[in-house]
Amino acid sequence: MAVNNLESVDWSQIPEPPDDGAAAHLTGMELPPIALRSTSGGSVDLASMSGCSVVYAYPMTGRPDVALPDGWEQIPGARGCTPQSCAYRDLVAELISAGADRVFGLSTQDSDYQQEAADRLHLPYELLSDDSLALATALDLPTMEVDHNKLLRRLTMVINDGVIVRVFYPIFPPDQDPRNVIEWLTEPSKR
């Protein structure tokens, strides 16, 4: 049985993802009305939500008892989903204080797989499943192919009333992502 240390990462050993421009088109886009299954047991349509939603997209959460894909550590932008999720968990109150109404994680894994991570990591927010790639296709989100699975590249969207107002991409190191979002949300000129 493989045992992975998913929370501790030496970022100096992980390749930084380049800014390939694959998310440049997202700012200003309206979200399409797509229901995404949630770890809450229901579904979420980000387009219909009023206020400010912070949605961080990540490739996949690993499991301590399941081996990561071969070469995972050397794929730029792949490693770091657990540290990123834990950082959002630890800073969710600060994000709300800074102006976010809610936080979501988003991946192409199914809700059952995501539920294990939500429970193990004690996440106080929902993880959303785009396992059908409906949102990824509609928004032309940056993706990567790993072990015959299409995964989202790591990015964060700030959405106000169904419109993407800010995109963070690429993100490195992933555990600093929520701090960058908080900094942006508290800038006087952010909107």
Protein backbone atom coordinates (compact mmCIF):
# COMPACT_ATOMS: atom_id res chain seq x y z
CA MET A 1 0.00 0.00 0.00
CA ALA A 2 1.34 3.44 -0.98
CA VAL A 3 1.39 6.08 1.72
CA ASN A 4 1.65 9.65 0.51
CA ASN A 5 2.57 12.71 2.52
CA LEU A 6 0.18 15.05 0.78
CA GLU A 7 0.42 18.06 3.09
CA SER A 8 4.18 18.67 3.28
CA VAL A 9 5.83 19.83 0.07
CA ASP A 10 9.29 21.23 -0.61
CA TRP A 11 8.36 23.81 -3.25
CA SER A 12 12.01 24.19 -4.30
CA GLN A 13 11.80 20.63 -5.66
CA ILE A 14 8.59 21.21 -7.65
CA PRO A 15 8.64 22.82 -11.12
CA GLU A 16 6.82 26.13 -11.30
CA PRO A 17 4.11 26.29 -13.99
CA PRO A 18 4.71 28.87 -16.74
CA ASP A 19 2.16 31.51 -17.63
CA ASP A 20 1.06 30.10 -20.98
CA GLY A 21 -1.81 32.59 -21.33
CA ALA A 22 -4.41 29.80 -21.23
CA ALA A 23 -6.59 31.69 -18.72
CA ALA A 24 -6.22 35.20 -20.18
CA HIS A 25 -9.67 35.07 -21.82
CA LEU A 26 -11.60 34.38 -18.60
CA THR A 27 -11.75 37.83 -16.97
CA GLY A 28 -15.08 39.46 -17.84
CA MET A 29 -16.78 36.21 -18.91
CA GLU A 30 -20.27 35.40 -17.69
CA LEU A 31 -20.59 31.93 -16.28
CA PRO A 32 -22.99 29.59 -18.08
CA PRO A 33 -25.84 28.06 -16.06
CA ILE A 34 -24.30 24.68 -15.23
CA ALA A 35 -25.19 22.67 -12.14
CA LEU A 36 -22.13 21.09 -10.53
CA ARG A 37 -22.44 18.27 -8.02
CA SER A 38 -21.22 19.24 -4.57
CA THR A 39 -19.82 17.46 -1.56
CA SER A 40 -22.84 18.88 0.32
CA GLY A 41 -24.96 16.33 -1.55
CA GLY A 42 -26.71 18.88 -3.73
CA SER A 43 -25.65 20.89 -6.73
CA VAL A 44 -24.35 24.41 -7.23
CA ASP A 45 -24.90 26.73 -10.19
CA LEU A 46 -22.18 29.38 -9.89
CA ALA A 47 -23.87 31.56 -12.53
CA SER A 48 -26.94 32.05 -10.37
CA MET A 49 -25.13 33.07 -7.19
CA SER A 50 -25.26 36.68 -6.11
CA GLY A 51 -22.31 38.30 -4.43
CA CYS A 52 -18.69 37.23 -4.47
CA SER A 53 -17.63 33.61 -4.92
CA VAL A 54 -14.02 32.47 -4.81
CA VAL A 55 -13.54 29.28 -6.81
CA TYR A 56 -10.15 27.61 -6.84
CA ALA A 57 -9.69 24.94 -9.49
CA TYR A 58 -7.14 22.21 -8.87
CA PRO A 59 -6.01 19.10 -10.78
CA MET A 60 -6.86 16.39 -8.24
CA THR A 61 -6.65 15.62 -4.57
CA GLY A 62 -4.52 12.65 -3.73
CA ARG A 63 -5.34 10.05 -1.11
CA PRO A 64 -2.83 8.87 1.48
CA ASP A 65 -3.47 5.21 0.56
CA VAL A 66 -3.39 5.59 -3.25
CA ALA A 67 -0.25 6.17 -5.30
CA LEU A 68 -0.06 9.45 -7.19
CA PRO A 69 0.33 9.20 -10.98
CA ASP A 70 3.84 8.43 -12.18
CA GLY A 71 5.85 11.63 -12.52
CA TRP A 72 3.20 13.73 -10.71
CA GLU A 73 5.81 15.74 -8.79
CA GLN A 74 7.51 16.83 -12.02
CA ILE A 75 4.39 18.02 -13.88
CA PRO A 76 4.46 21.83 -13.56
CA GLY A 77 1.46 22.91 -11.50
CA ALA A 78 0.26 19.43 -10.58
CA ARG A 79 1.56 18.97 -7.02
CA GLY A 80 -0.01 20.92 -4.18
CA CYS A 81 -3.77 20.32 -4.16
CA THR A 82 -3.86 19.28 -0.50
CA PRO A 83 -1.73 22.22 0.72
CA GLN A 84 -3.90 24.59 -1.34
CA SER A 85 -7.14 23.13 0.06
CA CYS A 86 -5.77 23.27 3.62
CA ALA A 87 -4.69 26.89 3.14
CA TYR A 88 -8.21 27.81 2.00
CA ARG A 89 -9.60 25.89 4.99
CA ASP A 90 -7.35 27.80 7.38
CA LEU A 91 -8.04 31.20 5.81
CA VAL A 92 -11.74 30.92 4.91
CA ALA A 93 -12.75 33.34 7.70
CA GLU A 94 -10.23 35.91 6.44
CA LEU A 95 -11.55 35.50 2.88
CA ILE A 96 -15.11 36.16 4.11
CA SER A 97 -13.91 39.18 6.12
CA ALA A 98 -12.13 40.47 2.99
CA GLY A 99 -15.37 40.39 0.97
CA ALA A 100 -15.92 36.87 -0.33
CA ASP A 101 -19.40 35.50 0.33
CA ARG A 102 -18.33 31.89 -0.21
CA VAL A 103 -15.45 29.64 -1.25
CA PHE A 104 -15.52 26.53 -3.42
CA GLY A 105 -12.93 24.05 -4.64
CA LEU A 106 -13.40 22.68 -8.18
CA SER A 107 -11.95 19.62 -9.89
CA THR A 108 -12.86 17.01 -12.47
CA GLN A 109 -12.96 14.27 -9.83
CA ASP A 110 -16.39 12.89 -8.96
CA SER A 111 -18.13 13.96 -5.76
CA ASP A 112 -17.56 10.62 -4.04
CA TYR A 113 -13.81 10.93 -4.53
CA GLN A 114 -13.89 14.58 -3.43
CA GLN A 115 -15.89 13.67 -0.31
CA GLU A 116 -12.98 11.67 1.07
CA ALA A 117 -10.73 14.75 0.88
CA ALA A 118 -13.42 17.06 2.28
CA ASP A 119 -13.86 14.75 5.28
CA ARG A 120 -10.16 13.97 5.84
CA LEU A 121 -9.10 17.62 5.58
CA HIS A 122 -12.14 18.97 7.51
CA LEU A 123 -12.97 21.47 4.76
CA PRO A 124 -15.58 24.04 5.83
CA TYR A 125 -16.59 24.72 2.22
CA GLU A 126 -17.94 22.61 -0.64
CA LEU A 127 -15.92 20.90 -3.34
CA LEU A 128 -17.60 20.98 -6.76
CA SER A 129 -17.30 18.25 -9.36
CA ASP A 130 -16.95 19.04 -13.06
CA ASP A 131 -16.47 15.36 -13.90
CA SER A 132 -18.47 15.82 -17.12
CA LEU A 133 -16.16 18.72 -18.10
CA ALA A 134 -19.23 20.86 -18.82
CA LEU A 135 -17.89 23.99 -17.10
CA ALA A 136 -14.31 23.39 -18.27
CA THR A 137 -15.52 23.14 -21.87
CA ALA A 138 -17.94 26.09 -21.68
CA LEU A 139 -15.27 28.40 -20.23
CA ASP A 140 -12.35 26.80 -22.10
CA LEU A 141 -10.52 26.33 -18.80
CA PRO A 142 -6.88 25.25 -19.04
CA THR A 143 -6.55 21.49 -18.64
CA MET A 144 -3.91 18.77 -18.72
CA GLU A 145 -4.02 15.08 -19.53
CA VAL A 146 -2.56 12.72 -16.90
CA ASP A 147 -2.96 8.94 -16.99
CA HIS A 148 -5.79 9.26 -19.54
CA ASN A 149 -7.69 11.71 -17.28
CA LYS A 150 -8.44 15.30 -18.20
CA LEU A 151 -7.61 17.45 -15.18
CA LEU A 152 -7.98 21.17 -14.56
CA ARG A 153 -4.87 23.28 -14.34
CA ARG A 154 -4.65 25.20 -11.10
CA LEU A 155 -6.35 28.60 -11.24
CA THR A 156 -8.59 30.72 -9.03
CA MET A 157 -11.57 32.76 -10.18
CA VAL A 158 -13.24 35.56 -8.26
CA ILE A 159 -16.84 35.72 -9.47
CA ASN A 160 -19.25 38.57 -8.77
CA ASP A 161 -22.90 38.01 -9.62
CA GLY A 162 -22.03 35.33 -12.18
CA VAL A 163 -19.22 37.28 -13.90
CA ILE A 164 -15.53 36.43 -13.55
CA VAL A 165 -13.86 39.61 -12.30
CA ARG A 166 -10.37 38.30 -11.50
CA VAL A 167 -8.35 35.22 -12.39
CA PHE A 168 -5.18 34.05 -10.67
CA TYR A 169 -3.11 31.90 -13.05
CA PRO A 170 -0.67 30.30 -12.87
CA ILE A 171 -0.58 29.68 -9.13
CA PHE A 172 2.66 28.83 -7.36
CA PRO A 173 3.16 27.87 -4.67
CA PRO A 174 -0.43 26.67 -4.24
CA ASP A 175 -0.54 27.17 -0.48
CA GLN A 176 -0.08 30.93 -0.99
CA ASP A 177 -3.13 31.21 -3.27
CA PRO A 178 -5.72 32.26 -0.65
CA ARG A 179 -3.38 34.96 0.71
CA ASN A 180 -3.07 36.41 -2.81
CA VAL A 181 -6.86 36.42 -3.14
CA ILE A 182 -7.26 38.13 0.26
CA GLU A 183 -4.71 40.76 -0.76
CA TRP A 184 -6.62 41.43 -3.99
CA LEU A 185 -10.01 41.52 -2.27
CA THR A 186 -8.79 44.13 0.19
CA GLU A 187 -7.29 46.44 -2.46
CA PRO A 188 -9.35 49.64 -2.64
CA SER A 189 -9.30 49.59 -6.46
CA LYS A 190 -10.23 45.90 -6.89
CA ARG A 191 -13.55 46.59 -8.54
